[in-house]
N, C-alpha and C. Protein backbone atom coordinates (compact mmCIF):
# COMPACT_ATOMS: atom_id res chain seq x y z
N UNK A 1 -15.31 -4.34 7.73
CA UNK A 1 -14.91 -5.38 7.29
C UNK A 1 -13.77 -4.64 6.12
N UNK A 2 -12.94 -5.63 5.96
CA UNK A 2 -11.63 -5.22 4.95
C UNK A 2 -12.20 -5.83 3.69
N UNK A 3 -11.86 -4.69 2.70
CA UNK A 3 -11.92 -4.67 0.95
C UNK A 3 -10.45 -6.72 0.85
N UNK A 4 -11.39 -7.87 0.46
CA UNK A 4 -10.28 -8.32 0.36
C UNK A 4 -8.91 -8.22 -0.47
N UNK A 5 -8.77 -7.00 -1.49
CA UNK A 5 -7.76 -6.48 -1.63
C UNK A 5 -6.80 -5.09 -1.39
N UNK A 6 -7.38 -5.39 -0.02
CA UNK A 6 -7.22 -4.50 1.15
C UNK A 6 -5.23 -4.68 1.33
N UNK A 7 -4.66 -3.67 0.98
CA UNK A 7 -3.27 -4.11 2.07
C UNK A 7 -3.15 -4.61 3.28
N UNK A 8 -4.80 -4.49 4.23
CA UNK A 8 -5.08 -4.84 4.94
C UNK A 8 -5.58 -6.32 5.67
N UNK A 9 -6.02 -6.73 4.48
CA UNK A 9 -6.69 -8.25 4.37
C UNK A 9 -5.69 -9.56 4.83
N UNK A 10 -5.96 -9.81 5.68
CA UNK A 10 -5.74 -10.67 6.35
C UNK A 10 -4.95 -10.40 7.44
N UNK A 11 -4.64 -9.18 7.93
CA UNK A 11 -3.51 -8.86 8.99
C UNK A 11 -4.82 -9.12 10.04
N UNK A 12 -4.37 -9.28 11.09
CA UNK A 12 -4.77 -9.45 12.74
C UNK A 12 -5.07 -8.29 13.23
N UNK A 13 -6.49 -8.87 13.44
CA UNK A 13 -7.04 -7.13 14.52
C UNK A 13 -7.08 -7.64 16.38
N UNK A 14 -7.43 -6.53 16.79
CA UNK A 14 -7.15 -6.84 18.11
C UNK A 14 -8.27 -5.80 18.56
N UNK A 15 -8.07 -5.58 19.81
CA UNK A 15 -9.18 -4.70 20.94
C UNK A 15 -8.49 -4.35 22.04
N UNK A 16 -9.17 -3.48 22.36
CA UNK A 16 -8.45 -2.39 23.22
C UNK A 16 -9.56 -1.66 24.03
N UNK A 17 -9.64 -1.76 25.28
CA UNK A 17 -10.82 -1.15 26.17
C UNK A 17 -10.31 0.13 26.64
N UNK A 18 -11.05 1.47 26.34
CA UNK A 18 -10.75 2.71 27.00
C UNK A 18 -12.03 3.20 27.49
N UNK A 19 -11.43 4.12 28.03
CA UNK A 19 -11.92 5.09 29.31
C UNK A 19 -12.25 6.56 28.81
N UNK A 20 -13.70 6.83 28.33
CA UNK A 20 -13.37 8.20 28.02
C UNK A 20 -13.70 9.18 29.26
N UNK A 21 -13.46 10.41 29.22
CA UNK A 21 -13.81 11.66 30.20
C UNK A 21 -14.94 11.35 31.29
N UNK A 22 -16.08 10.59 30.85
CA UNK A 22 -17.36 10.71 31.97
C UNK A 22 -17.00 8.78 32.57
N UNK A 23 -16.09 8.17 32.51
CA UNK A 23 -15.76 6.78 32.73
C UNK A 23 -16.45 5.77 32.27
N UNK A 24 -16.97 6.26 31.38
CA UNK A 24 -17.82 5.24 30.38
C UNK A 24 -16.69 4.07 29.47
N UNK A 25 -16.17 2.93 29.67
CA UNK A 25 -15.73 1.98 29.00
C UNK A 25 -16.10 1.79 27.44
N UNK A 26 -15.49 1.64 26.75
CA UNK A 26 -16.01 1.26 25.43
C UNK A 26 -14.82 0.46 25.28
N UNK A 27 -14.95 -0.73 23.71
CA UNK A 27 -13.97 -1.28 23.41
C UNK A 27 -13.69 -0.77 21.97
N UNK A 28 -12.60 -0.84 21.80
CA UNK A 28 -12.23 -0.50 20.29
C UNK A 28 -11.60 -1.46 19.19
N UNK A 29 -11.91 -1.67 18.33
CA UNK A 29 -11.25 -2.98 17.36
C UNK A 29 -10.22 -1.97 16.62
N UNK A 30 -9.15 -2.40 16.17
CA UNK A 30 -8.51 -2.05 15.40
C UNK A 30 -7.27 -2.92 14.72
N UNK A 31 -6.73 -3.04 13.21
CA UNK A 31 -6.00 -3.59 12.67
C UNK A 31 -4.56 -3.55 12.66
N UNK A 32 -3.76 -4.75 13.19
CA UNK A 32 -2.35 -4.53 13.84
C UNK A 32 -1.52 -4.22 12.84
N UNK A 33 -0.63 -3.64 13.39
CA UNK A 33 0.34 -3.00 12.35
C UNK A 33 0.75 -3.78 11.17
N UNK A 34 0.92 -3.09 10.56
CA UNK A 34 1.09 -3.99 8.89
C UNK A 34 2.65 -3.38 8.24
N UNK A 35 3.89 -4.29 8.01
CA UNK A 35 4.66 -4.83 7.37
C UNK A 35 5.35 -4.36 5.90
N UNK A 36 5.92 -3.81 5.79
CA UNK A 36 6.34 -3.98 4.24
C UNK A 36 6.55 -5.16 4.08
N UNK A 37 6.63 -5.48 3.14
CA UNK A 37 7.20 -7.25 3.00
C UNK A 37 8.19 -6.60 2.07
N UNK A 38 9.32 -7.46 2.01
CA UNK A 38 10.21 -6.96 1.49
C UNK A 38 10.25 -7.55 -0.27
N UNK A 39 10.57 -6.33 -1.00
CA UNK A 39 10.68 -6.55 -2.49
C UNK A 39 11.64 -7.30 -3.37
N UNK A 40 12.81 -7.50 -2.50
CA UNK A 40 13.40 -8.99 -2.50
C UNK A 40 13.07 -9.91 -3.60
N UNK A 41 11.94 -10.83 -2.94
CA UNK A 41 11.43 -11.74 -3.55
C UNK A 41 10.36 -11.40 -4.70
N UNK A 42 10.44 -10.28 -5.00
CA UNK A 42 9.11 -9.93 -6.09
C UNK A 42 10.12 -10.01 -7.49
N UNK A 43 9.34 -10.52 -8.45
CA UNK A 43 9.68 -10.60 -10.10
C UNK A 43 9.61 -9.19 -10.32
N UNK A 44 10.34 -8.40 -11.26
CA UNK A 44 9.92 -7.26 -11.55
C UNK A 44 9.42 -7.61 -13.46
N UNK A 45 8.58 -6.88 -13.80
CA UNK A 45 7.70 -7.20 -14.70
C UNK A 45 8.29 -6.39 -16.00
N UNK A 46 8.33 -4.68 -15.62
CA UNK A 46 9.01 -4.09 -16.14
C UNK A 46 8.87 -2.79 -15.06
N UNK A 47 10.01 -1.92 -16.01
CA UNK A 47 10.10 -0.52 -15.43
C UNK A 47 9.44 0.74 -16.11
N UNK A 48 8.91 1.30 -15.22
CA UNK A 48 7.76 2.48 -15.95
C UNK A 48 9.11 4.16 -15.59
N UNK A 49 9.16 4.34 -16.56
CA UNK A 49 10.16 6.13 -16.78
C UNK A 49 8.59 7.19 -16.46
N UNK A 50 8.78 7.59 -15.15
CA UNK A 50 7.70 8.74 -15.11
C UNK A 50 7.94 9.53 -15.91
N UNK A 51 6.81 10.23 -16.69
CA UNK A 51 7.19 11.12 -17.57
C UNK A 51 5.99 12.59 -16.32
N UNK A 52 5.78 13.96 -16.78
CA UNK A 52 5.51 14.74 -16.31
C UNK A 52 4.03 14.93 -16.17
N UNK A 53 3.40 14.82 -15.04
CA UNK A 53 2.05 15.20 -14.75
C UNK A 53 1.26 13.72 -14.29
N UNK A 54 2.63 13.04 -14.70
CA UNK A 54 1.38 11.29 -14.00
C UNK A 54 1.51 11.16 -12.62
N UNK A 55 0.72 10.25 -12.82
CA UNK A 55 -0.01 10.31 -11.21
C UNK A 55 0.02 8.18 -11.14
N UNK A 56 0.07 7.98 -9.65
CA UNK A 56 0.24 6.65 -9.21
C UNK A 56 -1.19 6.12 -9.28
N UNK A 57 -1.85 6.45 -9.24
CA UNK A 57 -3.20 5.67 -9.58
C UNK A 57 -3.65 5.48 -11.51
N UNK A 58 -2.67 6.15 -12.21
CA UNK A 58 -3.09 5.98 -13.26
C UNK A 58 -1.99 5.22 -14.04
N UNK A 59 -0.82 4.88 -13.15
CA UNK A 59 0.37 4.21 -13.77
C UNK A 59 -0.36 2.89 -13.37
N UNK A 60 -0.76 2.45 -12.17
CA UNK A 60 -1.46 1.80 -11.43
C UNK A 60 -2.24 0.72 -12.07
N UNK A 61 -3.53 1.49 -12.60
CA UNK A 61 -4.44 0.99 -13.11
C UNK A 61 -4.06 0.61 -14.99
N UNK A 62 -2.52 0.92 -15.27
CA UNK A 62 -2.37 0.84 -16.65
C UNK A 62 -1.78 -0.92 -16.66
N UNK A 63 -0.47 -0.90 -15.55
CA UNK A 63 -0.01 -2.03 -15.31
C UNK A 63 -0.38 -2.86 -14.56
N UNK A 64 -1.41 -2.62 -13.47
CA UNK A 64 -2.26 -3.27 -12.74
C UNK A 64 -3.62 -3.94 -13.10
N UNK A 65 -4.31 -3.38 -13.30
CA UNK A 65 -5.65 -3.10 -13.69
C UNK A 65 -6.66 -2.56 -12.83
N UNK A 66 -6.40 -2.35 -11.61
CA UNK A 66 -6.62 -1.52 -10.70
C UNK A 66 -6.12 -0.41 -9.93
N UNK A 67 -6.56 0.69 -9.77
CA UNK A 67 -5.95 1.75 -9.50
C UNK A 67 -5.67 2.01 -7.84
N UNK A 68 -6.67 1.45 -7.42
CA UNK A 68 -6.66 1.33 -5.80
C UNK A 68 -5.58 0.61 -5.27
N UNK A 69 -4.61 -0.24 -6.07
CA UNK A 69 -3.83 -1.15 -5.86
C UNK A 69 -2.37 -0.39 -5.63
N UNK A 70 -2.33 0.55 -5.99
CA UNK A 70 -1.11 1.36 -5.95
C UNK A 70 -0.46 0.84 -4.93
N UNK A 71 -0.53 0.76 -3.88
CA UNK A 71 -0.25 0.58 -2.63
C UNK A 71 1.06 -1.15 -3.07
N UNK A 72 0.55 -2.03 -4.04
CA UNK A 72 1.40 -3.49 -4.52
C UNK A 72 2.69 -2.65 -5.04
N UNK A 73 2.55 -0.99 -5.58
CA UNK A 73 3.68 -1.00 -6.78
C UNK A 73 4.51 0.23 -4.84
N UNK A 74 4.23 0.70 -4.11
CA UNK A 74 4.73 1.46 -3.07
C UNK A 74 5.50 0.07 -2.64
N UNK A 75 4.85 -1.10 -2.43
CA UNK A 75 6.02 -2.21 -2.20
C UNK A 75 6.79 -2.34 -2.82
N UNK A 76 6.70 -2.74 -3.81
CA UNK A 76 7.83 -3.02 -5.11
C UNK A 76 8.94 -2.28 -5.40
N UNK A 77 8.64 -1.00 -4.87
CA UNK A 77 9.70 0.14 -4.29
C UNK A 77 10.26 0.55 -3.26
N UNK A 78 9.57 -0.19 -1.95
CA UNK A 78 10.31 0.20 -0.65
C UNK A 78 9.76 1.94 -0.74
N UNK A 79 8.58 2.04 -0.81
CA UNK A 79 8.19 3.33 -0.48
C UNK A 79 6.29 3.49 0.43
N UNK A 80 7.04 4.42 1.21
CA UNK A 80 5.78 4.37 1.93
C UNK A 80 4.57 5.70 1.86
N UNK A 81 5.28 6.29 1.92
CA UNK A 81 4.42 8.11 0.55
C UNK A 81 4.28 7.81 -0.53
N UNK A 82 3.57 7.19 -1.14
CA UNK A 82 3.20 7.25 -2.67
C UNK A 82 3.44 8.24 -3.69
N UNK A 83 3.34 9.62 -3.51
CA UNK A 83 3.90 10.41 -4.09
C UNK A 83 5.03 10.65 -4.24
N UNK A 84 5.64 10.30 -3.19
CA UNK A 84 7.31 9.68 -3.76
C UNK A 84 7.69 9.40 -4.78
N UNK A 85 6.87 8.14 -5.23
CA UNK A 85 7.11 7.57 -6.80
C UNK A 85 7.03 8.64 -8.20
N UNK A 86 6.39 9.54 -7.92
CA UNK A 86 6.51 10.64 -9.28
C UNK A 86 6.76 12.10 -8.83
N UNK A 87 7.61 11.99 -7.95
CA UNK A 87 7.87 13.34 -8.02
C UNK A 87 8.95 13.74 -8.66
N UNK A 88 10.01 12.91 -9.44
CA UNK A 88 10.85 12.92 -10.06
C UNK A 88 10.78 12.68 -11.25
N UNK A 89 10.41 13.51 -12.29
CA UNK A 89 10.55 12.86 -13.75
C UNK A 89 11.44 12.23 -14.20
N UNK A 90 11.41 10.88 -14.84
CA UNK A 90 12.63 10.58 -15.66
C UNK A 90 12.98 9.45 -14.15
N UNK A 91 12.22 9.35 -12.95
CA UNK A 91 12.66 8.83 -12.26
C UNK A 91 11.70 6.93 -12.83
N UNK A 92 12.33 6.32 -12.33
CA UNK A 92 11.89 4.85 -12.39
C UNK A 92 11.04 3.89 -11.27
N UNK A 93 10.04 3.30 -11.99
CA UNK A 93 9.33 2.84 -10.94
C UNK A 93 9.16 1.57 -11.38
N UNK A 94 9.32 0.64 -10.02
CA UNK A 94 9.47 -1.32 -10.56
C UNK A 94 8.35 -1.38 -10.28
N UNK A 95 7.26 -2.26 -11.35
CA UNK A 95 6.22 -3.01 -11.34
C UNK A 95 6.68 -4.29 -11.29
N UNK A 96 5.97 -4.80 -10.15
CA UNK A 96 6.47 -6.46 -9.94
C UNK A 96 5.35 -7.28 -9.18
N UNK A 97 5.69 -8.47 -9.27
CA UNK A 97 4.66 -9.39 -8.73
C UNK A 97 5.16 -9.42 -7.56
N UNK A 98 3.96 -9.96 -6.83
CA UNK A 98 4.06 -9.91 -5.39
C UNK A 98 4.42 -11.75 -5.13
N UNK A 99 5.77 -11.76 -3.96
CA UNK A 99 5.81 -13.00 -3.69
C UNK A 99 4.72 -13.86 -2.96
N UNK A 100 4.50 -15.14 -3.21
CA UNK A 100 3.42 -15.54 -2.40
C UNK A 100 3.84 -16.52 -1.54
């Protein structure tokens, strides 16, 4: 089951049947690919300047209220690898509202 606040909530699932080395078939379920939404339609709330030693989970907790929602900040900044946002001291991180 996928948590309703997960980045994968609402994404279609699919199934595939595979055969193992012993010839036994089994069905695997998986979540289909998630495409990063365009940040173009998002409304910027604030730009955060990265300080030394900051972590994205703490930044997310401060602005969003839930550190597990870091993926929303990644989406707003068109970033796939979360650590990329805090690598550069003095870098800007956009904190935005998602478009609905």
